[in-house]
Amino acid sequence: MAAPQSTDPPKRHHYLPQTYQRAWCDSAGHVAVRRRGTSRVFEANPLNVGAESHLYGKGAHALWRERNFGLLEEEWPALRTELMSTGHVNGRERQMVATFIALQVARTREHLLRTTVAAELADFAHERPVTKESVRRFIQQHLRHDPEDIEVDAAWSLTNYEISQGVPTVDQAFSISMDIAVRQMAPMFENLHWRIERSEEPVLWTSDRAVMPWRPPSERDTYEGVGYGDADEIRMPLGPTAMLIAERAYSASPKKVPATRFHDYNRDIARQCYQFIICTPGRRARLEHTPLADRRAAIRFHMGPSVEITPDGTEVSGNDVIHTWVPIRDNGASPGS
């Protein structure tokens, strides 16, 4: 499909669609929002939540993206209603839901930062080659954590290598990310088993990381992430009373669950969100008192020798490899800690 010729796209783009947020609106059309770093919960119109200037770029390509996202978002309320009432959708509707989920993953601020990190670091650091001091400042200011020396070394090595190979622009990286979402992630979601869990109490939250990979907490959380392809479950709140869970094993859907189960989900939503959580305004009290760390790292780096196995079974150290990963959860600390 050819991109439109207009070069006057909307300036504010939503990475958390308004049509998705409206499931949490009260009668005044507001949602309740809490950001990391504060215990204060405020009410806002979805128009002003989860939006950023020129998120989809500028010019004709940004307008094309906005229009195509909008066409799918117009279908979301009917798709959501069908999912919640019957517990499943098939055919074209299932493809549309899978695409909605995949695009929602690909356009979150966290995901875009991960896919454009080399380009953004290259813009941040004016010198060439990029210095380790610039890498450290970039990680602290933009990736939201204080790195150890080995992490700075890994990010420095990776960035200078990618610069030498020709770093894609932010717009190019965005296009690649959208293409992967449609061609690879959406079919993966579509082929999993889906289960809708429902509760009579409107207590479920959502966040700017609405689609969440999940596995049980373990020691691995301190040194590796979990992707959508190898997660035990992929969770997406549909509204205050319903959760969509995609997994490999079949189970009956829809399934009625007690509110306590949704409270458990909410605790994990709080630890997986990138910058903010949303709930229904009338249910804000629990959100105000939930422990929430000031920051959650968007991407981590590490570097170490690879291990090669010789024909006789002996393990020998190989060349250094760079490992990038995303924490599945924050450290559970309270604001101000």
Protein backbone atom coordinates (compact mmCIF):
# COMPACT_ATOMS: atom_id res chain seq x y z
CA MET A 1 0.00 0.00 0.00
CA ALA A 2 1.44 3.35 -1.02
CA ALA A 3 1.95 5.99 1.62
CA PRO A 4 -0.19 9.14 1.30
CA GLN A 5 1.33 12.30 -0.14
CA SER A 6 0.22 14.64 2.64
CA THR A 7 3.02 15.91 4.87
CA ASP A 8 0.77 17.27 7.63
CA PRO A 9 0.23 14.35 10.04
CA PRO A 10 -1.29 14.68 13.51
CA LYS A 11 1.38 15.87 15.95
CA ARG A 12 0.25 13.75 18.91
CA HIS A 13 0.29 9.99 18.48
CA HIS A 14 -1.06 7.48 20.99
CA TYR A 15 1.04 4.48 21.91
CA LEU A 16 -1.82 3.34 24.17
CA PRO A 17 -4.92 3.78 21.98
CA GLN A 18 -7.78 5.88 23.28
CA THR A 19 -10.25 3.23 22.12
CA TYR A 20 -8.44 0.70 24.32
CA GLN A 21 -8.31 3.01 27.34
CA ARG A 22 -12.03 3.80 27.21
CA ALA A 23 -12.90 0.44 28.75
CA TRP A 24 -11.59 1.94 32.03
CA CYS A 25 -13.43 5.29 31.72
CA ASP A 26 -16.01 6.43 34.24
CA SER A 27 -19.21 8.29 33.37
CA ALA A 28 -17.20 11.50 32.94
CA GLY A 29 -14.98 9.85 30.34
CA HIS A 30 -11.90 9.81 32.58
CA VAL A 31 -9.40 7.15 33.60
CA ALA A 32 -7.29 7.13 36.76
CA VAL A 33 -3.52 7.18 36.19
CA ARG A 34 -0.51 6.61 38.42
CA ARG A 35 3.02 7.17 37.18
CA ARG A 36 6.20 5.61 38.46
CA GLY A 37 7.99 7.75 41.00
CA THR A 38 4.84 8.97 42.75
CA SER A 39 1.97 7.56 44.78
CA ARG A 40 -0.41 10.24 43.48
CA VAL A 41 -3.27 9.03 41.26
CA PHE A 42 -4.89 11.60 38.97
CA GLU A 43 -7.83 11.51 36.58
CA ALA A 44 -7.43 12.33 32.91
CA ASN A 45 -9.11 12.11 29.54
CA PRO A 46 -7.60 9.29 27.41
CA LEU A 47 -6.84 11.96 24.82
CA ASN A 48 -4.03 13.10 27.12
CA VAL A 49 -2.78 9.68 28.29
CA GLY A 50 -0.26 7.50 26.47
CA ALA A 51 0.47 10.06 23.76
CA GLU A 52 3.65 11.61 22.46
CA SER A 53 4.46 14.20 19.82
CA HIS A 54 5.54 12.69 16.50
CA LEU A 55 5.80 9.18 17.95
CA TYR A 56 5.11 7.72 14.50
CA GLY A 57 7.59 10.07 12.83
CA LYS A 58 6.83 13.06 10.66
CA GLY A 59 5.49 13.62 7.17
CA ALA A 60 3.54 11.29 4.90
CA HIS A 61 4.70 8.04 6.51
CA ALA A 62 3.54 9.18 9.95
CA LEU A 63 0.12 10.06 8.54
CA TRP A 64 -0.10 6.69 6.79
CA ARG A 65 0.70 4.88 10.04
CA GLU A 66 -1.81 6.95 12.00
CA ARG A 67 -4.58 6.24 9.50
CA ASN A 68 -3.90 2.50 9.34
CA PHE A 69 -3.70 2.16 13.11
CA GLY A 70 -6.95 4.11 13.29
CA LEU A 71 -8.76 1.70 10.96
CA LEU A 72 -7.88 -1.23 13.23
CA GLU A 73 -8.67 0.72 16.40
CA GLU A 74 -12.16 1.47 15.08
CA GLU A 75 -12.82 -2.28 15.09
CA TRP A 76 -11.52 -2.83 18.62
CA PRO A 77 -14.69 -2.12 20.67
CA ALA A 78 -16.70 -4.72 18.70
CA LEU A 79 -13.84 -7.24 18.85
CA ARG A 80 -13.47 -6.71 22.59
CA THR A 81 -17.22 -7.17 23.15
CA GLU A 82 -17.20 -10.42 21.18
CA LEU A 83 -14.21 -11.74 23.11
CA MET A 84 -15.74 -10.92 26.46
CA SER A 85 -19.18 -12.34 25.67
CA THR A 86 -18.21 -15.57 23.90
CA GLY A 87 -14.65 -16.18 25.10
CA HIS A 88 -13.26 -16.51 21.57
CA VAL A 89 -13.23 -15.13 18.02
CA ASN A 90 -12.43 -16.87 14.75
CA GLY A 91 -11.46 -16.15 11.17
CA ARG A 92 -10.94 -12.51 10.19
CA GLU A 93 -11.85 -11.28 13.68
CA ARG A 94 -9.15 -13.45 15.26
CA GLN A 95 -6.58 -12.13 12.77
CA MET A 96 -7.59 -8.58 13.61
CA VAL A 97 -7.26 -9.12 17.35
CA ALA A 98 -3.85 -10.77 16.87
CA THR A 99 -2.71 -7.84 14.74
CA PHE A 100 -4.04 -5.33 17.29
CA ILE A 101 -2.05 -7.12 20.02
CA ALA A 102 1.13 -7.31 17.93
CA LEU A 103 1.01 -3.64 16.95
CA GLN A 104 0.33 -2.69 20.54
CA VAL A 105 3.55 -4.46 21.54
CA ALA A 106 5.52 -2.82 18.72
CA ARG A 107 4.50 0.79 19.39
CA THR A 108 4.92 1.01 23.14
CA ARG A 109 7.51 3.49 24.34
CA GLU A 110 9.50 0.66 25.91
CA HIS A 111 9.63 -1.42 22.71
CA LEU A 112 10.45 1.57 20.50
CA LEU A 113 13.28 2.56 22.83
CA ARG A 114 14.70 -0.96 22.61
CA THR A 115 14.56 -1.07 18.81
CA THR A 116 15.96 2.43 18.30
CA VAL A 117 18.53 2.45 21.11
CA ALA A 118 21.57 2.51 18.79
CA ALA A 119 20.16 5.38 16.73
CA GLU A 120 19.19 7.35 19.83
CA LEU A 121 22.55 6.76 21.48
CA ALA A 122 24.30 7.86 18.28
CA ASP A 123 22.23 11.08 18.32
CA PHE A 124 22.91 11.56 22.03
CA ALA A 125 26.69 11.26 21.67
CA HIS A 126 28.20 13.69 19.17
CA GLU A 127 31.70 12.23 19.22
CA ARG A 128 32.88 9.34 17.01
CA PRO A 129 33.65 6.78 18.12
CA VAL A 130 31.15 7.06 20.96
CA THR A 131 32.90 7.22 24.33
CA LYS A 132 32.10 5.07 27.33
CA GLU A 133 31.32 8.21 29.31
CA SER A 134 28.55 9.10 26.84
CA VAL A 135 27.22 5.55 26.95
CA ARG A 136 27.02 5.65 30.74
CA ARG A 137 25.16 8.99 30.73
CA PHE A 138 22.75 7.73 28.07
CA ILE A 139 21.93 4.59 30.06
CA GLN A 140 21.36 6.62 33.22
CA GLN A 141 19.19 9.28 31.55
CA HIS A 142 17.31 7.31 28.91
CA LEU A 143 17.42 3.63 29.91
CA ARG A 144 16.61 4.47 33.50
CA HIS A 145 19.19 2.60 35.57
CA ASP A 146 22.77 2.92 36.83
CA PRO A 147 24.94 0.50 34.84
CA GLU A 148 27.91 -1.50 36.03
CA ASP A 149 31.16 -1.21 34.09
CA ILE A 150 30.59 -4.48 32.19
CA GLU A 151 27.23 -3.19 30.97
CA VAL A 152 28.78 0.06 29.76
CA ASP A 153 31.47 -1.92 27.95
CA ALA A 154 28.85 -4.10 26.24
CA ALA A 155 26.67 -1.17 25.17
CA TRP A 156 29.72 0.77 24.00
CA SER A 157 30.98 -2.15 21.89
CA LEU A 158 27.55 -2.79 20.38
CA THR A 159 26.85 0.85 19.59
CA ASN A 160 30.18 1.54 17.89
CA TYR A 161 29.85 -1.65 15.87
CA GLU A 162 26.36 -0.73 14.69
CA ILE A 163 27.48 2.81 13.87
CA SER A 164 30.28 1.39 11.74
CA GLN A 165 27.73 -0.75 9.89
CA GLY A 166 25.26 2.08 9.38
CA VAL A 167 22.64 2.58 12.08
CA PRO A 168 19.03 2.67 10.84
CA THR A 169 17.26 5.95 11.49
CA VAL A 170 14.50 6.04 14.09
CA ASP A 171 11.95 6.12 11.27
CA GLN A 172 13.54 3.10 9.57
CA ALA A 173 13.67 1.20 12.87
CA PHE A 174 9.99 1.99 13.48
CA SER A 175 9.08 0.65 10.03
CA ILE A 176 11.06 -2.54 10.62
CA SER A 177 9.38 -3.02 13.99
CA MET A 178 5.89 -2.60 12.50
CA ASP A 179 6.70 -5.07 9.71
CA ILE A 180 7.91 -7.69 12.19
CA ALA A 181 4.77 -7.16 14.27
CA VAL A 182 2.45 -7.83 11.33
CA ARG A 183 4.41 -10.61 9.63
CA GLN A 184 5.78 -12.52 12.62
CA MET A 185 4.23 -11.54 15.95
CA ALA A 186 0.57 -11.43 14.86
CA PRO A 187 0.62 -15.00 13.41
CA MET A 188 2.33 -16.23 16.58
CA PHE A 189 -0.41 -14.72 18.78
CA GLU A 190 -3.11 -16.02 16.45
CA ASN A 191 -1.83 -19.61 16.70
CA LEU A 192 -1.80 -19.72 20.50
CA HIS A 193 -4.78 -20.86 22.58
CA TRP A 194 -6.77 -17.95 24.01
CA ARG A 195 -8.59 -17.89 27.33
CA ILE A 196 -10.80 -15.09 28.62
CA GLU A 197 -11.03 -14.76 32.39
CA ARG A 198 -13.87 -12.65 33.77
CA SER A 199 -14.71 -11.24 37.18
CA GLU A 200 -17.88 -9.57 38.37
CA GLU A 201 -15.89 -6.86 40.16
CA PRO A 202 -14.29 -4.15 37.95
CA VAL A 203 -10.88 -4.31 39.60
CA LEU A 204 -8.41 -5.15 36.80
CA TRP A 205 -5.83 -2.52 35.79
CA THR A 206 -3.85 -1.99 32.62
CA SER A 207 -0.71 -0.03 31.77
CA ASP A 208 1.44 1.46 29.02
CA ARG A 209 2.76 -2.09 28.63
CA ALA A 210 -0.67 -3.59 28.05
CA VAL A 211 0.58 -6.83 26.46
CA MET A 212 2.73 -8.68 28.99
CA PRO A 213 4.82 -11.85 28.68
CA TRP A 214 4.74 -13.81 31.92
CA ARG A 215 6.50 -16.67 33.64
CA PRO A 216 6.76 -17.50 37.34
CA PRO A 217 9.35 -15.43 39.25
CA SER A 218 12.77 -17.07 39.46
CA GLU A 219 16.48 -16.31 39.87
CA ARG A 220 16.67 -15.96 36.08
CA ASP A 221 14.84 -12.65 36.39
CA THR A 222 18.10 -11.06 37.60
CA TYR A 223 20.06 -11.82 34.44
CA GLU A 224 17.68 -12.55 31.56
CA GLY A 225 14.37 -11.44 30.16
CA VAL A 226 11.52 -13.41 28.65
CA GLY A 227 10.15 -12.84 25.17
CA TYR A 228 6.69 -13.26 23.75
CA GLY A 229 7.81 -16.38 21.93
CA ASP A 230 9.00 -18.25 25.04
CA ALA A 231 6.69 -16.87 27.75
CA ASP A 232 4.46 -19.25 29.71
CA GLU A 233 1.56 -16.84 29.16
CA ILE A 234 0.91 -13.62 27.27
CA ARG A 235 -1.59 -11.43 29.11
CA MET A 236 -3.63 -8.45 27.95
CA PRO A 237 -6.35 -6.80 30.06
CA LEU A 238 -9.51 -6.22 28.01
CA GLY A 239 -11.16 -4.02 30.62
CA PRO A 240 -11.73 -3.84 34.39
CA THR A 241 -13.58 -7.19 34.35
CA ALA A 242 -11.76 -9.29 31.74
CA MET A 243 -8.27 -10.59 30.96
CA LEU A 244 -7.13 -12.23 27.71
CA ILE A 245 -4.50 -14.92 28.21
CA ALA A 246 -2.68 -16.56 25.28
CA GLU A 247 -0.85 -19.80 25.96
CA ARG A 248 0.17 -23.07 24.33
CA ALA A 249 -2.15 -25.35 26.33
CA TYR A 250 -5.89 -25.36 25.73
CA SER A 251 -8.32 -24.45 28.50
CA ALA A 252 -12.01 -23.57 28.52
CA SER A 253 -13.02 -19.99 27.72
CA PRO A 254 -14.61 -17.83 29.02
CA LYS A 255 -13.82 -18.64 32.63
CA LYS A 256 -15.24 -16.89 35.68
CA VAL A 257 -12.61 -16.13 38.34
CA PRO A 258 -12.72 -14.44 41.76
CA ALA A 259 -11.59 -10.85 42.15
CA THR A 260 -8.60 -12.04 44.17
CA ARG A 261 -7.12 -13.48 40.98
CA PHE A 262 -7.33 -10.09 39.30
CA HIS A 263 -5.65 -8.50 42.31
CA ASP A 264 -2.77 -10.93 41.73
CA TYR A 265 -2.65 -9.85 38.09
CA ASN A 266 -2.63 -6.22 39.18
CA ARG A 267 0.49 -6.72 41.27
CA ASP A 268 2.28 -8.08 38.23
CA ILE A 269 0.93 -5.26 36.04
CA ALA A 270 2.46 -2.82 38.54
CA ARG A 271 5.85 -4.52 38.30
CA GLN A 272 5.77 -4.84 34.51
CA CYS A 273 4.49 -1.39 33.53
CA TYR A 274 6.99 0.92 31.90
CA GLN A 275 5.91 4.36 33.12
CA PHE A 276 2.27 4.33 34.25
CA ILE A 277 -0.78 2.27 35.29
CA ILE A 278 -4.45 2.90 34.50
CA CYS A 279 -7.52 1.90 36.50
CA THR A 280 -11.18 2.88 36.75
CA PRO A 281 -11.42 6.11 38.81
CA GLY A 282 -13.80 4.54 41.31
CA ARG A 283 -11.20 1.87 42.10
CA ARG A 284 -8.19 4.10 42.64
CA ALA A 285 -7.60 3.48 46.36
CA ARG A 286 -5.80 0.16 45.93
CA LEU A 287 -3.65 1.63 43.15
CA GLU A 288 -2.56 4.49 45.40
CA HIS A 289 -1.19 2.09 48.00
CA THR A 290 0.46 -0.46 45.70
CA PRO A 291 4.30 -0.63 45.94
CA LEU A 292 5.79 0.68 42.73
CA ALA A 293 9.48 1.16 42.00
CA ASP A 294 10.58 4.55 40.70
CA ARG A 295 11.98 3.06 37.51
CA ARG A 296 11.98 -0.06 35.39
CA ALA A 297 14.89 -0.61 33.01
CA ALA A 298 13.94 -0.70 29.35
CA ILE A 299 16.95 -2.71 28.18
CA ARG A 300 20.07 -4.18 29.76
CA PHE A 301 23.43 -5.15 28.27
CA HIS A 302 26.03 -7.75 29.21
CA MET A 303 29.15 -9.18 27.63
CA GLY A 304 31.14 -12.35 28.22
CA PRO A 305 32.99 -15.19 26.50
CA SER A 306 30.99 -17.69 24.53
CA VAL A 307 31.39 -21.41 25.18
CA GLU A 308 32.22 -23.76 22.34
CA ILE A 309 32.07 -27.55 22.54
CA THR A 310 34.80 -29.39 20.66
CA PRO A 311 34.19 -32.74 18.87
CA ASP A 312 35.47 -34.63 21.92
CA GLY A 313 32.97 -32.83 24.19
CA THR A 314 35.42 -30.41 25.79
CA GLU A 315 34.11 -26.93 26.57
CA VAL A 316 36.40 -24.07 25.57
CA SER A 317 35.94 -20.32 25.78
CA GLY A 318 35.22 -18.58 22.51
CA ASN A 319 34.97 -14.95 21.47
CA ASP A 320 33.11 -12.43 23.58
CA VAL A 321 29.40 -12.11 22.83
CA ILE A 322 27.10 -9.22 23.69
CA HIS A 323 23.81 -10.07 25.34
CA THR A 324 20.86 -7.64 25.45
CA TRP A 325 17.81 -8.38 27.56
CA VAL A 326 14.80 -6.72 29.13
CA PRO A 327 13.83 -7.33 32.77
CA ILE A 328 10.40 -8.88 33.05
CA ARG A 329 9.73 -7.06 36.33
CA ASP A 330 11.06 -4.18 38.36
CA ASN A 331 12.73 -4.81 41.70
CA GLY A 332 9.52 -4.30 43.67
CA ALA A 333 10.81 -1.28 45.56
CA SER A 334 8.49 1.42 46.81
CA PRO A 335 8.56 4.99 45.44
CA GLY A 336 11.48 6.99 46.75
CA SER A 337 13.57 3.95 47.62
